[in-house]
C-alpha atoms as a PDB file:
ATOM      1  CA  VAL A   1      11.921 -13.629 -16.926  1.00  0.00           C
ATOM      2  CA  VAL A   2      14.115 -15.104 -19.630  1.00  0.00           C
ATOM      3  CA  LEU A   3      14.328 -14.717 -23.382  1.00  0.00           C
ATOM      4  CA  LYS A   4      16.226 -17.145 -25.591  1.00  0.00           C
ATOM      5  CA  ASN A   5      16.726 -16.384 -29.260  1.00  0.00           C
ATOM      6  CA  VAL A   6      14.391 -13.383 -28.875  1.00  0.00           C
ATOM      7  CA  LEU A   7      11.550 -15.619 -27.628  1.00  0.00           C
ATOM      8  CA  ILE A   8      10.064 -15.765 -24.146  1.00  0.00           C
ATOM      9  CA  HIS A   9      11.301 -18.938 -22.407  1.00  0.00           C
ATOM     10  CA  LYS A  10       8.986 -19.565 -19.440  1.00  0.00           C
ATOM     11  CA  PRO A  11      10.673 -22.778 -18.193  1.00  0.00           C
ATOM     12  CA  ASP A  12      13.641 -20.636 -17.114  1.00  0.00           C
ATOM     13  CA  TYR A  13      11.557 -18.071 -15.203  1.00  0.00           C
ATOM     14  CA  ARG A  14      12.396 -17.837 -11.499  1.00  0.00           C
ATOM     15  CA  ARG A  15      10.598 -16.260  -8.567  1.00  0.00           C
ATOM     16  CA  PHE A  16      12.369 -14.733  -5.595  1.00  0.00           C
ATOM     17  CA  LYS A  17      10.515 -13.985  -2.409  1.00  0.00           C
ATOM     18  CA  ILE A  18      11.994 -11.189  -0.314  1.00  0.00           C
ATOM     19  CA  ARG A  19      12.860 -13.154   2.809  1.00  0.00           C
ATOM     20  CA  ASN A  20      14.435 -10.408   4.878  1.00  0.00           C
ATOM     21  CA  GLN A  21      11.554  -8.142   5.890  1.00  0.00           C
ATOM     22  CA  LYS A  22      14.052  -5.587   7.229  1.00  0.00           C
ATOM     23  CA  LEU A  23      15.048  -4.644   3.678  1.00  0.00           C
ATOM     24  CA  ARG A  24      13.199  -1.392   3.136  1.00  0.00           C
ATOM     25  CA  SER A  25      14.531   0.013  -0.111  1.00  0.00           C
ATOM     26  CA  ASP A  26      14.199  -1.322  -3.633  1.00  0.00           C
ATOM     27  CA  PHE A  27      17.976  -1.151  -3.911  1.00  0.00           C
ATOM     28  CA  GLN A  28      18.533  -3.473  -0.940  1.00  0.00           C
ATOM     29  CA  MET A  29      15.973  -5.882  -2.396  1.00  0.00           C
ATOM     30  CA  ILE A  30      17.693  -5.815  -5.806  1.00  0.00           C
ATOM     31  CA  GLU A  31      21.021  -6.603  -4.114  1.00  0.00           C
ATOM     32  CA  ASP A  32      19.500  -9.472  -2.147  1.00  0.00           C
ATOM     33  CA  VAL A  33      17.789 -11.035  -5.160  1.00  0.00           C
ATOM     34  CA  LEU A  34      20.853 -10.738  -7.423  1.00  0.00           C
ATOM     35  CA  LYS A  35      23.177 -12.263  -4.832  1.00  0.00           C
ATOM     36  CA  ARG A  36      20.788 -15.155  -4.290  1.00  0.00           C
ATOM     37  CA  ARG A  37      20.328 -15.640  -8.037  1.00  0.00           C
ATOM     38  CA  PHE A  38      24.061 -15.825  -8.765  1.00  0.00           C
ATOM     39  CA  LYS A  39      24.649 -18.293  -5.921  1.00  0.00           C
ATOM     40  CA  GLN A  40      22.593 -20.772  -7.932  1.00  0.00           C
ATOM     41  CA  ASN A  41      24.159 -23.004 -10.543  1.00  0.00           C
ATOM     42  CA  TRP A  42      21.924 -21.681 -13.316  1.00  0.00           C
ATOM     43  CA  GLU A  43      22.920 -20.576 -16.778  1.00  0.00           C
ATOM     44  CA  ILE A  44      24.222 -17.010 -16.774  1.00  0.00           C
ATOM     45  CA  SER A  45      22.620 -14.677 -19.276  1.00  0.00           C
ATOM     46  CA  ASN A  46      24.311 -12.290 -21.693  1.00  0.00           C
ATOM     47  CA  LEU A  47      22.337  -9.294 -20.495  1.00  0.00           C
ATOM     48  CA  ILE A  48      20.524  -8.104 -17.400  1.00  0.00           C
ATOM     49  CA  VAL A  49      17.566  -5.811 -17.991  1.00  0.00           C
ATOM     50  CA  ILE A  50      16.443  -3.970 -14.862  1.00  0.00           C
ATOM     51  CA  ASP A  51      13.238  -2.011 -14.508  1.00  0.00           C
ATOM     52  CA  GLY A  52      14.490   1.404 -13.514  1.00  0.00           C
ATOM     53  CA  GLY A  53      16.919   4.173 -14.227  1.00  0.00           C
ATOM     54  CA  LYS A  54      20.443   5.115 -13.205  1.00  0.00           C
ATOM     55  CA  PRO A  55      20.142   4.254  -9.482  1.00  0.00           C
ATOM     56  CA  GLN A  56      18.899   0.735 -10.238  1.00  0.00           C
ATOM     57  CA  VAL A  57      21.565   0.177 -12.908  1.00  0.00           C
ATOM     58  CA  ARG A  58      24.267   1.386 -10.482  1.00  0.00           C
ATOM     59  CA  THR A  59      22.984  -1.069  -7.875  1.00  0.00           C
ATOM     60  CA  VAL A  60      23.155  -3.993 -10.325  1.00  0.00           C
ATOM     61  CA  LEU A  61      26.665  -2.988 -11.441  1.00  0.00           C
ATOM     62  CA  LYS A  62      27.794  -2.753  -7.796  1.00  0.00           C
ATOM     63  CA  VAL A  63      26.505  -6.264  -7.035  1.00  0.00           C
ATOM     64  CA  LEU A  64      28.041  -7.749 -10.181  1.00  0.00           C
ATOM     65  CA  SER A  65      31.355  -6.101  -9.343  1.00  0.00           C
ATOM     66  CA  SER A  66      31.296  -7.475  -5.785  1.00  0.00           C
ATOM     67  CA  LEU A  67      30.603 -10.964  -7.187  1.00  0.00           C
ATOM     68  CA  LYS A  68      33.310 -10.522  -9.852  1.00  0.00           C
ATOM     69  CA  ILE A  69      30.805 -11.178 -12.642  1.00  0.00           C
ATOM     70  CA  SER A  70      31.068  -9.336 -15.941  1.00  0.00           C
ATOM     71  CA  LEU A  71      27.700  -8.891 -17.668  1.00  0.00           C
ATOM     72  CA  SER A  72      26.048  -6.220 -19.759  1.00  0.00           C
ATOM     73  CA  VAL A  73      23.375  -4.256 -17.892  1.00  0.00           C
ATOM     74  CA  ILE A  74      20.656  -1.956 -19.156  1.00  0.00           C
ATOM     75  CA  GLY A  75      17.772  -0.314 -17.402  1.00  0.00           C
ATOM     76  CA  LEU A  76      14.418   0.766 -18.747  1.00  0.00           C
ATOM     77  CA  ALA A  77      13.292   4.000 -17.152  1.00  0.00           C
ATOM     78  CA  LYS A  78       9.791   5.408 -17.542  1.00  0.00           C
ATOM     79  CA  ASN A  79       8.127   8.740 -18.280  1.00  0.00           C
ATOM     80  CA  PRO A  80       9.277   8.953 -20.990  1.00  0.00           C
ATOM     81  CA  ASP A  81      10.565   5.436 -21.692  1.00  0.00           C
ATOM     82  CA  ARG A  82      14.320   5.499 -22.160  1.00  0.00           C
ATOM     83  CA  LEU A  83      17.214   3.078 -22.055  1.00  0.00           C
ATOM     84  CA  VAL A  84      19.890   3.471 -19.384  1.00  0.00           C
ATOM     85  CA  ILE A  85      23.139   1.767 -20.341  1.00  0.00           C
ATOM     86  CA  GLY A  86      25.391   0.287 -17.661  1.00  0.00           C
ATOM     87  CA  ILE A  87      28.717   1.608 -18.920  1.00  0.00           C
ATOM     88  CA  SER A  88      30.975   4.404 -17.757  1.00  0.00           C
ATOM     89  CA  GLY A  89      28.922   7.554 -17.278  1.00  0.00           C
ATOM     90  CA  ILE A  90      25.680   5.543 -17.440  1.00  0.00           C
ATOM     91  CA  PRO A  91      24.281   7.291 -20.526  1.00  0.00           C
ATOM     92  CA  THR A  92      20.587   7.496 -21.321  1.00  0.00           C
ATOM     93  CA  VAL A  93      19.202   6.869 -24.813  1.00  0.00           C
ATOM     94  CA  HIS A  94      15.760   7.869 -26.069  1.00  0.00           C
ATOM     95  CA  PHE A  95      14.183   5.872 -28.897  1.00  0.00           C
ATOM     96  CA  LEU A  96      11.314   6.449 -31.262  1.00  0.00           C
ATOM     97  CA  THR A  97       8.171   4.503 -30.438  1.00  0.00           C
ATOM     98  CA  GLY A  98       8.441   2.223 -33.480  1.00  0.00           C
ATOM     99  CA  ASN A  99      12.001   1.033 -32.782  1.00  0.00           C
ATOM    100  CA  LYS A 100      11.826  -2.792 -32.816  1.00  0.00           C
ATOM    101  CA  GLY A 101      14.784  -3.323 -30.470  1.00  0.00           C
ATOM    102  CA  PHE A 102      13.401  -0.884 -27.925  1.00  0.00           C
ATOM    103  CA  ASN A 103       9.963  -2.487 -28.217  1.00  0.00           C
ATOM    104  CA  LEU A 104      11.572  -5.845 -27.392  1.00  0.00           C
ATOM    105  CA  ILE A 105      13.024  -4.340 -24.197  1.00  0.00           C
ATOM    106  CA  ARG A 106       9.560  -2.989 -23.367  1.00  0.00           C
ATOM    107  CA  LEU A 107       8.138  -6.478 -23.910  1.00  0.00           C
ATOM    108  CA  ILE A 108      10.646  -7.848 -21.386  1.00  0.00           C
ATOM    109  CA  ARG A 109       9.631  -5.183 -18.866  1.00  0.00           C
ATOM    110  CA  ASP A 110       5.923  -5.765 -19.379  1.00  0.00           C
ATOM    111  CA  GLU A 111       6.332  -9.548 -19.111  1.00  0.00           C
ATOM    112  CA  SER A 112       8.345  -9.196 -15.911  1.00  0.00           C
ATOM    113  CA  HIS A 113       5.614  -6.944 -14.461  1.00  0.00           C
ATOM    114  CA  ARG A 114       2.957  -9.495 -15.399  1.00  0.00           C
ATOM    115  CA  PHE A 115       4.962 -12.359 -13.884  1.00  0.00           C
ATOM    116  CA  ALA A 116       5.814 -10.457 -10.688  1.00  0.00           C
ATOM    117  CA  ARG A 117       2.235  -9.276 -10.222  1.00  0.00           C
ATOM    118  CA  LYS A 118       0.941 -12.829 -10.636  1.00  0.00           C
ATOM    119  CA  TYR A 119       3.362 -14.030  -7.931  1.00  0.00           C
ATOM    120  CA  HIS A 120       2.482 -11.115  -5.651  1.00  0.00           C
ATOM    121  CA  LEU A 121      -1.232 -11.886  -5.955  1.00  0.00           C
ATOM    122  CA  PHE A 122      -0.551 -15.585  -5.300  1.00  0.00           C
ATOM    123  CA  LEU A 123       1.355 -14.769  -2.091  1.00  0.00           C
ATOM    124  CA  ARG A 124      -1.216 -12.226  -0.966  1.00  0.00           C
ATOM    125  CA  ASN A 125      -4.137 -14.612  -1.526  1.00  0.00           C
ATOM    126  CA  ARG A 126      -2.301 -17.459   0.197  1.00  0.00           C
ATOM    127  CA  ASN A 127      -1.592 -15.271   3.241  1.00  0.00           C
ATOM    128  CA  PHE A 128      -5.195 -14.081   3.268  1.00  0.00           C
ATOM    129  CA  LEU A 129      -6.468 -17.650   3.422  1.00  0.00           C
ATOM    130  CA  LEU A 130      -4.185 -18.609   6.348  1.00  0.00           C
END
């Protein structure tokens, strides 16, 4: 999902189907999707928000480093919701529920879940009908 000027920008949304069925871990799938995404000639964002904690943020940083791309990375971990920052030491920050910036990050996560679930259901229903 994409936000521009703090607004959801659906024309820039992209879907990535996991092509390699041998990829078993979320981390391998994250690597695959990021490498495929950055091979495209699309606008590069200022920030990558990943759904997950330190392991997911480390995976994104590893891929960006291998591609020689410098971007800011944050992760949104759950239970309780907290921000994981992709800098040295990968610190974790807890926010109060009413924090507007943190609520924006939650909105991004929730929108990405909605979008991914919609695509998953589309693929599942299509395969069911075949």
